[in-house]
């Protein structure tokens, strides 16, 4: 008999729905249902993780303003190489796969 797996909110669609603002729930549900289809099933863990991270970002009261500023090219810009120290390595790995 194996021990029960610990609950991880990033893999729980109900937890994600609880955390998402109402306006994002239909988008999440559409992508979630698409990933549950046989041809998209391998994408389900990635979809859940992405939407959990989105729910964390959307919880920031300044998110909408920051997103609007980013879309207009306003605000501080940090190059990927600075933001993600091993960016070049990750990029090379992605290109190989």
PDB file of N, CA and C in Angstrom:
ATOM      1  N   UNK A   1       0.849  -1.172   0.000  1.00  0.00           N
ATOM      2  CA  UNK A   1       0.000   0.000   0.000  1.00  0.00           C
ATOM      3  C   UNK A   1       0.895   1.237   0.000  1.00  0.00           C
ATOM      4  N   UNK A   2       0.629   2.159  -0.898  1.00  0.00           N
ATOM      5  CA  UNK A   2       1.459   3.358  -0.975  1.00  0.00           C
ATOM      6  C   UNK A   2       0.834   4.492  -0.176  1.00  0.00           C
ATOM      7  N   UNK A   3       1.687   5.408   0.228  1.00  0.00           N
ATOM      8  CA  UNK A   3       1.222   6.569   0.989  1.00  0.00           C
ATOM      9  C   UNK A   3       0.464   7.509   0.060  1.00  0.00           C
ATOM     10  N   UNK A   4      -0.544   8.204   0.581  1.00  0.00           N
ATOM     11  CA  UNK A   4      -1.274   9.140  -0.266  1.00  0.00           C
ATOM     12  C   UNK A   4      -0.350  10.272  -0.716  1.00  0.00           C
ATOM     13  N   UNK A   5      -0.554  10.690  -1.951  1.00  0.00           N
ATOM     14  CA  UNK A   5       0.245  11.802  -2.471  1.00  0.00           C
ATOM     15  C   UNK A   5      -0.193  13.101  -1.812  1.00  0.00           C
ATOM     16  N   UNK A   6       0.756  13.998  -1.520  1.00  0.00           N
ATOM     17  CA  UNK A   6       0.369  15.281  -0.931  1.00  0.00           C
ATOM     18  C   UNK A   6      -0.418  16.121  -1.940  1.00  0.00           C
ATOM     19  N   UNK A   7      -1.341  16.887  -1.432  1.00  0.00           N
ATOM     20  CA  UNK A   7      -2.156  17.742  -2.287  1.00  0.00           C
ATOM     21  C   UNK A   7      -1.296  18.889  -2.825  1.00  0.00           C
ATOM     22  N   UNK A   8      -1.348  19.089  -4.105  1.00  0.00           N
ATOM     23  CA  UNK A   8      -0.634  20.196  -4.726  1.00  0.00           C
ATOM     24  C   UNK A   8      -1.658  21.088  -5.411  1.00  0.00           C
ATOM     25  N   UNK A   9      -1.816  22.330  -4.948  1.00  0.00           N
ATOM     26  CA  UNK A   9      -2.861  23.180  -5.525  1.00  0.00           C
ATOM     27  C   UNK A   9      -2.663  23.446  -7.011  1.00  0.00           C
ATOM     28  N   UNK A  10      -1.425  23.440  -7.492  1.00  0.00           N
ATOM     29  CA  UNK A  10      -1.201  23.718  -8.916  1.00  0.00           C
ATOM     30  C   UNK A  10      -1.783  22.629  -9.808  1.00  0.00           C
ATOM     31  N   UNK A  11      -2.026  21.450  -9.265  1.00  0.00           N
ATOM     32  CA  UNK A  11      -2.580  20.367 -10.081  1.00  0.00           C
ATOM     33  C   UNK A  11      -4.069  20.143  -9.823  1.00  0.00           C
ATOM     34  N   UNK A  12      -4.683  21.039  -9.072  1.00  0.00           N
ATOM     35  CA  UNK A  12      -6.090  20.899  -8.695  1.00  0.00           C
ATOM     36  C   UNK A  12      -6.935  21.945  -9.428  1.00  0.00           C
ATOM     37  N   UNK A  13      -7.701  21.526 -10.439  1.00  0.00           N
ATOM     38  CA  UNK A  13      -8.499  22.499 -11.192  1.00  0.00           C
ATOM     39  C   UNK A  13      -9.470  23.294 -10.323  1.00  0.00           C
ATOM     40  N   UNK A  14     -10.024  22.677  -9.285  1.00  0.00           N
ATOM     41  CA  UNK A  14     -10.946  23.400  -8.407  1.00  0.00           C
ATOM     42  C   UNK A  14     -10.218  24.496  -7.634  1.00  0.00           C
ATOM     43  N   UNK A  15      -8.995  24.210  -7.160  1.00  0.00           N
ATOM     44  CA  UNK A  15      -8.214  25.225  -6.452  1.00  0.00           C
ATOM     45  C   UNK A  15      -7.875  26.380  -7.390  1.00  0.00           C
ATOM     46  N   UNK A  16      -7.541  26.050  -8.622  1.00  0.00           N
ATOM     47  CA  UNK A  16      -7.225  27.088  -9.606  1.00  0.00           C
ATOM     48  C   UNK A  16      -8.454  27.951  -9.857  1.00  0.00           C
ATOM     49  N   UNK A  17      -9.611  27.331 -10.047  1.00  0.00           N
ATOM     50  CA  UNK A  17     -10.847  28.094 -10.270  1.00  0.00           C
ATOM     51  C   UNK A  17     -11.165  29.014  -9.097  1.00  0.00           C
ATOM     52  N   UNK A  18     -10.960  28.535  -7.885  1.00  0.00           N
ATOM     53  CA  UNK A  18     -11.231  29.365  -6.701  1.00  0.00           C
ATOM     54  C   UNK A  18     -10.352  30.608  -6.692  1.00  0.00           C
ATOM     55  N   UNK A  19      -9.115  30.475  -7.151  1.00  0.00           N
ATOM     56  CA  UNK A  19      -8.167  31.582  -7.095  1.00  0.00           C
ATOM     57  C   UNK A  19      -8.281  32.543  -8.269  1.00  0.00           C
ATOM     58  N   UNK A  20      -8.809  32.083  -9.385  1.00  0.00           N
ATOM     59  CA  UNK A  20      -8.878  32.928 -10.580  1.00  0.00           C
ATOM     60  C   UNK A  20      -9.981  33.974 -10.471  1.00  0.00           C
ATOM     61  N   UNK A  21      -9.697  35.193 -10.940  1.00  0.00           N
ATOM     62  CA  UNK A  21     -10.773  36.176 -11.057  1.00  0.00           C
ATOM     63  C   UNK A  21     -11.820  35.663 -12.058  1.00  0.00           C
ATOM     64  N   UNK A  22     -13.038  36.064 -11.862  1.00  0.00           N
ATOM     65  CA  UNK A  22     -14.166  35.592 -12.677  1.00  0.00           C
ATOM     66  C   UNK A  22     -13.906  35.728 -14.172  1.00  0.00           C
ATOM     67  N   UNK A  23     -13.290  36.826 -14.599  1.00  0.00           N
ATOM     68  CA  UNK A  23     -13.116  37.051 -16.040  1.00  0.00           C
ATOM     69  C   UNK A  23     -12.180  36.043 -16.702  1.00  0.00           C
ATOM     70  N   UNK A  24     -11.317  35.381 -15.925  1.00  0.00           N
ATOM     71  CA  UNK A  24     -10.365  34.424 -16.489  1.00  0.00           C
ATOM     72  C   UNK A  24     -10.864  32.983 -16.420  1.00  0.00           C
ATOM     73  N   UNK A  25     -11.916  32.733 -15.677  1.00  0.00           N
ATOM     74  CA  UNK A  25     -12.396  31.354 -15.505  1.00  0.00           C
ATOM     75  C   UNK A  25     -12.825  30.687 -16.807  1.00  0.00           C
ATOM     76  N   UNK A  26     -13.569  31.359 -17.691  1.00  0.00           N
ATOM     77  CA  UNK A  26     -13.945  30.695 -18.951  1.00  0.00           C
ATOM     78  C   UNK A  26     -12.738  30.328 -19.818  1.00  0.00           C
ATOM     79  N   UNK A  27     -11.711  31.171 -19.796  1.00  0.00           N
ATOM     80  CA  UNK A  27     -10.513  30.891 -20.588  1.00  0.00           C
ATOM     81  C   UNK A  27      -9.813  29.650 -20.028  1.00  0.00           C
ATOM     82  N   UNK A  28      -9.661  29.614 -18.703  1.00  0.00           N
ATOM     83  CA  UNK A  28      -9.050  28.446 -18.062  1.00  0.00           C
ATOM     84  C   UNK A  28      -9.852  27.182 -18.376  1.00  0.00           C
ATOM     85  N   UNK A  29     -11.156  27.242 -18.189  1.00  0.00           N
ATOM     86  CA  UNK A  29     -11.989  26.051 -18.399  1.00  0.00           C
ATOM     87  C   UNK A  29     -11.898  25.547 -19.836  1.00  0.00           C
ATOM     88  N   UNK A  30     -11.860  26.456 -20.794  1.00  0.00           N
ATOM     89  CA  UNK A  30     -11.747  26.039 -22.195  1.00  0.00           C
ATOM     90  C   UNK A  30     -10.430  25.312 -22.432  1.00  0.00           C
ATOM     91  N   UNK A  31      -9.327  25.868 -21.917  1.00  0.00           N
ATOM     92  CA  UNK A  31      -8.027  25.224 -22.105  1.00  0.00           C
ATOM     93  C   UNK A  31      -7.937  23.917 -21.317  1.00  0.00           C
ATOM     94  N   UNK A  32      -8.521  23.893 -20.144  1.00  0.00           N
ATOM     95  CA  UNK A  32      -8.520  22.679 -19.320  1.00  0.00           C
ATOM     96  C   UNK A  32      -9.280  21.554 -20.033  1.00  0.00           C
ATOM     97  N   UNK A  33     -10.456  21.863 -20.536  1.00  0.00           N
ATOM     98  CA  UNK A  33     -11.249  20.831 -21.214  1.00  0.00           C
ATOM     99  C   UNK A  33     -10.565  20.362 -22.499  1.00  0.00           C
ATOM    100  N   UNK A  34      -9.930  21.275 -23.209  1.00  0.00           N
ATOM    101  CA  UNK A  34      -9.195  20.897 -24.421  1.00  0.00           C
ATOM    102  C   UNK A  34      -8.032  19.959 -24.078  1.00  0.00           C
ATOM    103  N   UNK A  35      -7.329  20.248 -22.980  1.00  0.00           N
ATOM    104  CA  UNK A  35      -6.187  19.413 -22.577  1.00  0.00           C
ATOM    105  C   UNK A  35      -6.637  18.047 -22.062  1.00  0.00           C
ATOM    106  N   UNK A  36      -7.886  17.918 -21.670  1.00  0.00           N
ATOM    107  CA  UNK A  36      -8.388  16.630 -21.193  1.00  0.00           C
ATOM    108  C   UNK A  36      -8.812  15.713 -22.332  1.00  0.00           C
ATOM    109  N   UNK A  37      -8.895  16.242 -23.541  1.00  0.00           N
ATOM    110  CA  UNK A  37      -9.230  15.422 -24.699  1.00  0.00           C
ATOM    111  C   UNK A  37      -8.067  14.466 -24.982  1.00  0.00           C
ATOM    112  N   UNK A  38      -8.340  13.303 -25.543  1.00  0.00           N
ATOM    113  CA  UNK A  38      -7.266  12.319 -25.785  1.00  0.00           C
ATOM    114  C   UNK A  38      -6.054  12.874 -26.523  1.00  0.00           C
ATOM    115  N   UNK A  39      -6.284  13.700 -27.543  1.00  0.00           N
ATOM    116  CA  UNK A  39      -5.140  14.201 -28.310  1.00  0.00           C
ATOM    117  C   UNK A  39      -4.357  15.293 -27.570  1.00  0.00           C
ATOM    118  N   UNK A  40      -4.912  15.882 -26.518  1.00  0.00           N
ATOM    119  CA  UNK A  40      -4.214  16.929 -25.781  1.00  0.00           C
ATOM    120  C   UNK A  40      -3.828  16.545 -24.377  1.00  0.00           C
ATOM    121  N   UNK A  41      -4.087  15.288 -24.020  1.00  0.00           N
ATOM    122  CA  UNK A  41      -3.917  14.849 -22.639  1.00  0.00           C
ATOM    123  C   UNK A  41      -2.509  15.083 -22.098  1.00  0.00           C
ATOM    124  N   UNK A  42      -1.493  14.942 -22.933  1.00  0.00           N
ATOM    125  CA  UNK A  42      -0.123  15.143 -22.467  1.00  0.00           C
ATOM    126  C   UNK A  42       0.141  16.586 -22.045  1.00  0.00           C
ATOM    127  N   UNK A  43      -0.718  17.515 -22.455  1.00  0.00           N
ATOM    128  CA  UNK A  43      -0.551  18.925 -22.103  1.00  0.00           C
ATOM    129  C   UNK A  43      -1.208  19.297 -20.782  1.00  0.00           C
ATOM    130  N   UNK A  44      -2.002  18.409 -20.211  1.00  0.00           N
ATOM    131  CA  UNK A  44      -2.771  18.748 -19.014  1.00  0.00           C
ATOM    132  C   UNK A  44      -1.907  19.238 -17.861  1.00  0.00           C
ATOM    133  N   UNK A  45      -0.823  18.548 -17.477  1.00  0.00           N
ATOM    134  CA  UNK A  45      -0.014  19.072 -16.359  1.00  0.00           C
ATOM    135  C   UNK A  45       0.534  20.475 -16.630  1.00  0.00           C
ATOM    136  N   UNK A  46       0.937  20.728 -17.862  1.00  0.00           N
ATOM    137  CA  UNK A  46       1.467  22.049 -18.214  1.00  0.00           C
ATOM    138  C   UNK A  46       0.378  23.119 -18.131  1.00  0.00           C
ATOM    139  N   UNK A  47      -0.817  22.807 -18.614  1.00  0.00           N
ATOM    140  CA  UNK A  47      -1.934  23.748 -18.557  1.00  0.00           C
ATOM    141  C   UNK A  47      -2.266  24.080 -17.108  1.00  0.00           C
ATOM    142  N   UNK A  48      -2.314  23.066 -16.258  1.00  0.00           N
ATOM    143  CA  UNK A  48      -2.635  23.301 -14.851  1.00  0.00           C
ATOM    144  C   UNK A  48      -1.568  24.151 -14.171  1.00  0.00           C
ATOM    145  N   UNK A  49      -0.301  23.842 -14.402  1.00  0.00           N
ATOM    146  CA  UNK A  49       0.770  24.634 -13.779  1.00  0.00           C
ATOM    147  C   UNK A  49       0.729  26.079 -14.261  1.00  0.00           C
ATOM    148  N   UNK A  50       0.542  26.272 -15.559  1.00  0.00           N
ATOM    149  CA  UNK A  50       0.495  27.614 -16.112  1.00  0.00           C
ATOM    150  C   UNK A  50      -0.642  28.418 -15.499  1.00  0.00           C
ATOM    151  N   UNK A  51      -1.817  27.809 -15.393  1.00  0.00           N
ATOM    152  CA  UNK A  51      -2.957  28.541 -14.840  1.00  0.00           C
ATOM    153  C   UNK A  51      -2.824  28.768 -13.346  1.00  0.00           C
ATOM    154  N   UNK A  52      -2.144  27.885 -12.642  1.00  0.00           N
ATOM    155  CA  UNK A  52      -1.887  28.149 -11.221  1.00  0.00           C
ATOM    156  C   UNK A  52      -0.987  29.378 -11.093  1.00  0.00           C
ATOM    157  N   UNK A  53       0.056  29.442 -11.911  1.00  0.00           N
ATOM    158  CA  UNK A  53       0.935  30.613 -11.902  1.00  0.00           C
ATOM    159  C   UNK A  53       0.174  31.871 -12.310  1.00  0.00           C
ATOM    160  N   UNK A  54      -0.699  31.737 -13.303  1.00  0.00           N
ATOM    161  CA  UNK A  54      -1.533  32.875 -13.690  1.00  0.00           C
ATOM    162  C   UNK A  54      -2.383  33.343 -12.517  1.00  0.00           C
ATOM    163  N   UNK A  55      -2.961  32.409 -11.775  1.00  0.00           N
ATOM    164  CA  UNK A  55      -3.815  32.801 -10.648  1.00  0.00           C
ATOM    165  C   UNK A  55      -3.016  33.570  -9.605  1.00  0.00           C
ATOM    166  N   UNK A  56      -1.748  33.203  -9.421  1.00  0.00           N
ATOM    167  CA  UNK A  56      -0.897  33.942  -8.483  1.00  0.00           C
ATOM    168  C   UNK A  56      -0.632  35.354  -9.005  1.00  0.00           C
ATOM    169  N   UNK A  57      -0.351  35.473 -10.291  1.00  0.00           N
ATOM    170  CA  UNK A  57      -0.105  36.792 -10.881  1.00  0.00           C
ATOM    171  C   UNK A  57      -1.360  37.659 -10.812  1.00  0.00           C
ATOM    172  N   UNK A  58      -2.513  37.084 -11.154  1.00  0.00           N
ATOM    173  CA  UNK A  58      -3.762  37.844 -11.170  1.00  0.00           C
ATOM    174  C   UNK A  58      -4.166  38.310  -9.775  1.00  0.00           C
ATOM    175  N   UNK A  59      -3.660  37.671  -8.732  1.00  0.00           N
ATOM    176  CA  UNK A  59      -3.987  38.062  -7.358  1.00  0.00           C
ATOM    177  C   UNK A  59      -3.354  39.402  -6.987  1.00  0.00           C
ATOM    178  N   UNK A  60      -2.323  39.813  -7.721  1.00  0.00           N
ATOM    179  CA  UNK A  60      -1.670  41.093  -7.471  1.00  0.00           C
ATOM    180  C   UNK A  60      -2.623  42.213  -7.888  1.00  0.00           C
ATOM    181  N   UNK A  61      -2.989  43.109  -6.974  1.00  0.00           N
ATOM    182  CA  UNK A  61      -3.916  44.186  -7.326  1.00  0.00           C
ATOM    183  C   UNK A  61      -3.411  45.080  -8.465  1.00  0.00           C
ATOM    184  N   UNK A  62      -2.106  45.128  -8.664  1.00  0.00           N
ATOM    185  CA  UNK A  62      -1.540  45.969  -9.723  1.00  0.00           C
ATOM    186  C   UNK A  62      -1.385  45.218 -11.037  1.00  0.00           C
ATOM    187  N   UNK A  63      -1.835  43.967 -11.112  1.00  0.00           N
ATOM    188  CA  UNK A  63      -1.626  43.154 -12.315  1.00  0.00           C
ATOM    189  C   UNK A  63      -2.181  43.812 -13.575  1.00  0.00           C
ATOM    190  N   UNK A  64      -3.430  44.238 -13.541  1.00  0.00           N
ATOM    191  CA  UNK A  64      -4.055  44.795 -14.744  1.00  0.00           C
ATOM    192  C   UNK A  64      -3.289  46.014 -15.252  1.00  0.00           C
ATOM    193  N   UNK A  65      -2.892  46.892 -14.330  1.00  0.00           N
ATOM    194  CA  UNK A  65      -2.150  48.080 -14.739  1.00  0.00           C
ATOM    195  C   UNK A  65      -0.789  47.699 -15.313  1.00  0.00           C
ATOM    196  N   UNK A  66      -0.112  46.755 -14.684  1.00  0.00           N
ATOM    197  CA  UNK A  66       1.191  46.318 -15.178  1.00  0.00           C
ATOM    198  C   UNK A  66       1.072  45.650 -16.551  1.00  0.00           C
ATOM    199  N   UNK A  67       0.047  44.866 -16.742  1.00  0.00           N
ATOM    200  CA  UNK A  67      -0.159  44.219 -18.043  1.00  0.00           C
ATOM    201  C   UNK A  67      -0.430  45.262 -19.119  1.00  0.00           C
ATOM    202  N   UNK A  68      -1.233  46.249 -18.773  1.00  0.00           N
ATOM    203  CA  UNK A  68      -1.515  47.333 -19.722  1.00  0.00           C
ATOM    204  C   UNK A  68      -0.234  48.105 -20.054  1.00  0.00           C
ATOM    205  N   UNK A  69       0.564  48.416 -19.033  1.00  0.00           N
ATOM    206  CA  UNK A  69       1.830  49.114 -19.258  1.00  0.00           C
ATOM    207  C   UNK A  69       2.758  48.290 -20.151  1.00  0.00           C
ATOM    208  N   UNK A  70       2.834  46.996 -19.889  1.00  0.00           N
ATOM    209  CA  UNK A  70       3.696  46.120 -20.696  1.00  0.00           C
ATOM    210  C   UNK A  70       3.237  46.089 -22.148  1.00  0.00           C
ATOM    211  N   UNK A  71       1.932  46.049 -22.365  1.00  0.00           N
ATOM    212  CA  UNK A  71       1.402  46.028 -23.727  1.00  0.00           C
ATOM    213  C   UNK A  71       1.733  47.324 -24.470  1.00  0.00           C
ATOM    214  N   UNK A  72       1.830  48.427 -23.727  1.00  0.00           N
ATOM    215  CA  UNK A  72       2.173  49.712 -24.339  1.00  0.00           C
ATOM    216  C   UNK A  72       3.680  49.939 -24.382  1.00  0.00           C
ATOM    217  N   UNK A  73       4.468  49.024 -23.807  1.00  0.00           N
ATOM    218  CA  UNK A  73       5.921  49.184 -23.801  1.00  0.00           C
ATOM    219  C   UNK A  73       6.409  50.174 -22.759  1.00  0.00           C
ATOM    220  N   UNK A  74       5.596  50.380 -21.733  1.00  0.00           N
ATOM    221  CA  UNK A  74       5.930  51.314 -20.664  1.00  0.00           C
ATOM    222  C   UNK A  74       6.435  50.524 -19.461  1.00  0.00           C
ATOM    223  N   UNK A  75       7.412  51.071 -18.766  1.00  0.00           N
ATOM    224  CA  UNK A  75       7.887  50.439 -17.537  1.00  0.00           C
ATOM    225  C   UNK A  75       9.275  49.874 -17.684  1.00  0.00           C
ATOM    226  N   UNK A  76       9.716  49.254 -16.624  1.00  0.00           N
ATOM    227  CA  UNK A  76      11.063  48.698 -16.574  1.00  0.00           C
ATOM    228  C   UNK A  76      11.142  47.420 -17.403  1.00  0.00           C
ATOM    229  N   UNK A  77      12.219  47.296 -18.147  1.00  0.00           N
ATOM    230  CA  UNK A  77      12.451  46.103 -18.949  1.00  0.00           C
ATOM    231  C   UNK A  77      13.705  45.419 -18.422  1.00  0.00           C
ATOM    232  N   UNK A  78      13.593  44.133 -18.181  1.00  0.00           N
ATOM    233  CA  UNK A  78      14.729  43.338 -17.730  1.00  0.00           C
ATOM    234  C   UNK A  78      14.996  42.276 -18.787  1.00  0.00           C
ATOM    235  N   UNK A  79      16.201  42.256 -19.360  1.00  0.00           N
ATOM    236  CA  UNK A  79      16.500  41.229 -20.357  1.00  0.00           C
ATOM    237  C   UNK A  79      16.371  39.822 -19.764  1.00  0.00           C
ATOM    238  N   UNK A  80      15.942  38.882 -20.601  1.00  0.00           N
ATOM    239  CA  UNK A  80      15.757  37.510 -20.140  1.00  0.00           C
ATOM    240  C   UNK A  80      17.032  36.956 -19.504  1.00  0.00           C
ATOM    241  N   UNK A  81      18.185  37.313 -20.070  1.00  0.00           N
ATOM    242  CA  UNK A  81      19.457  36.810 -19.552  1.00  0.00           C
ATOM    243  C   UNK A  81      19.681  37.227 -18.105  1.00  0.00           C
ATOM    244  N   UNK A  82      19.127  38.367 -17.708  1.00  0.00           N
ATOM    245  CA  UNK A  82      19.237  38.826 -16.323  1.00  0.00           C
ATOM    246  C   UNK A  82      18.146  38.222 -15.446  1.00  0.00           C
ATOM    247  N   UNK A  83      16.956  38.150 -15.987  1.00  0.00           N
ATOM    248  CA  UNK A  83      15.817  37.652 -15.211  1.00  0.00           C
ATOM    249  C   UNK A  83      15.942  36.164 -14.916  1.00  0.00           C
ATOM    250  N   UNK A  84      16.502  35.420 -15.881  1.00  0.00           N
ATOM    251  CA  UNK A  84      16.657  33.968 -15.730  1.00  0.00           C
ATOM    252  C   UNK A  84      18.131  33.654 -15.981  1.00  0.00           C
ATOM    253  N   UNK A  85      18.899  33.461 -14.906  1.00  0.00           N
ATOM    254  CA  UNK A  85      20.346  33.300 -15.050  1.00  0.00           C
ATOM    255  C   UNK A  85      20.783  32.224 -16.043  1.00  0.00           C
ATOM    256  N   UNK A  86      20.101  31.107 -16.128  1.00  0.00           N
ATOM    257  CA  UNK A  86      20.508  30.046 -17.064  1.00  0.00           C
ATOM    258  C   UNK A  86      19.680  30.083 -18.352  1.00  0.00           C
ATOM    259  N   UNK A  87      19.253  31.260 -18.762  1.00  0.00           N
ATOM    260  CA  UNK A  87      18.403  31.425 -19.931  1.00  0.00           C
ATOM    261  C   UNK A  87      19.010  30.818 -21.190  1.00  0.00           C
ATOM    262  N   UNK A  88      20.280  31.109 -21.450  1.00  0.00           N
ATOM    263  CA  UNK A  88      20.910  30.599 -22.674  1.00  0.00           C
ATOM    264  C   UNK A  88      20.916  29.068 -22.693  1.00  0.00           C
ATOM    265  N   UNK A  89      21.164  28.462 -21.539  1.00  0.00           N
ATOM    266  CA  UNK A  89      21.171  27.001 -21.437  1.00  0.00           C
ATOM    267  C   UNK A  89      19.772  26.447 -21.723  1.00  0.00           C
ATOM    268  N   UNK A  90      18.767  27.057 -21.130  1.00  0.00           N
ATOM    269  CA  UNK A  90      17.383  26.617 -21.357  1.00  0.00           C
ATOM    270  C   UNK A  90      16.985  26.772 -22.824  1.00  0.00           C
ATOM    271  N   UNK A  91      17.384  27.897 -23.401  1.00  0.00           N
ATOM    272  CA  UNK A  91      17.063  28.155 -24.796  1.00  0.00           C
ATOM    273  C   UNK A  91      17.721  27.100 -25.708  1.00  0.00           C
ATOM    274  N   UNK A  92      18.972  26.772 -25.419  1.00  0.00           N
ATOM    275  CA  UNK A  92      19.672  25.757 -26.215  1.00  0.00           C
ATOM    276  C   UNK A  92      18.985  24.408 -26.081  1.00  0.00           C
ATOM    277  N   UNK A  93      18.558  24.029 -24.866  1.00  0.00           N
ATOM    278  CA  UNK A  93      17.868  22.769 -24.648  1.00  0.00           C
ATOM    279  C   UNK A  93      16.553  22.724 -25.415  1.00  0.00           C
ATOM    280  N   UNK A  94      15.843  23.842 -25.410  1.00  0.00           N
ATOM    281  CA  UNK A  94      14.563  23.905 -26.110  1.00  0.00           C
ATOM    282  C   UNK A  94      14.784  23.727 -27.615  1.00  0.00           C
ATOM    283  N   UNK A  95      15.798  24.342 -28.142  1.00  0.00           N
ATOM    284  CA  UNK A  95      16.071  24.239 -29.572  1.00  0.00           C
ATOM    285  C   UNK A  95      16.453  22.825 -29.985  1.00  0.00           C
ATOM    286  N   UNK A  96      17.090  22.085 -29.077  1.00  0.00           N
ATOM    287  CA  UNK A  96      17.499  20.700 -29.377  1.00  0.00           C
ATOM    288  C   UNK A  96      16.302  19.752 -29.367  1.00  0.00           C
ATOM    289  N   UNK A  97      15.287  20.085 -28.596  1.00  0.00           N
ATOM    290  CA  UNK A  97      14.156  19.141 -28.493  1.00  0.00           C
ATOM    291  C   UNK A  97      13.091  19.386 -29.511  1.00  0.00           C
TER     292      UNK A  97
END
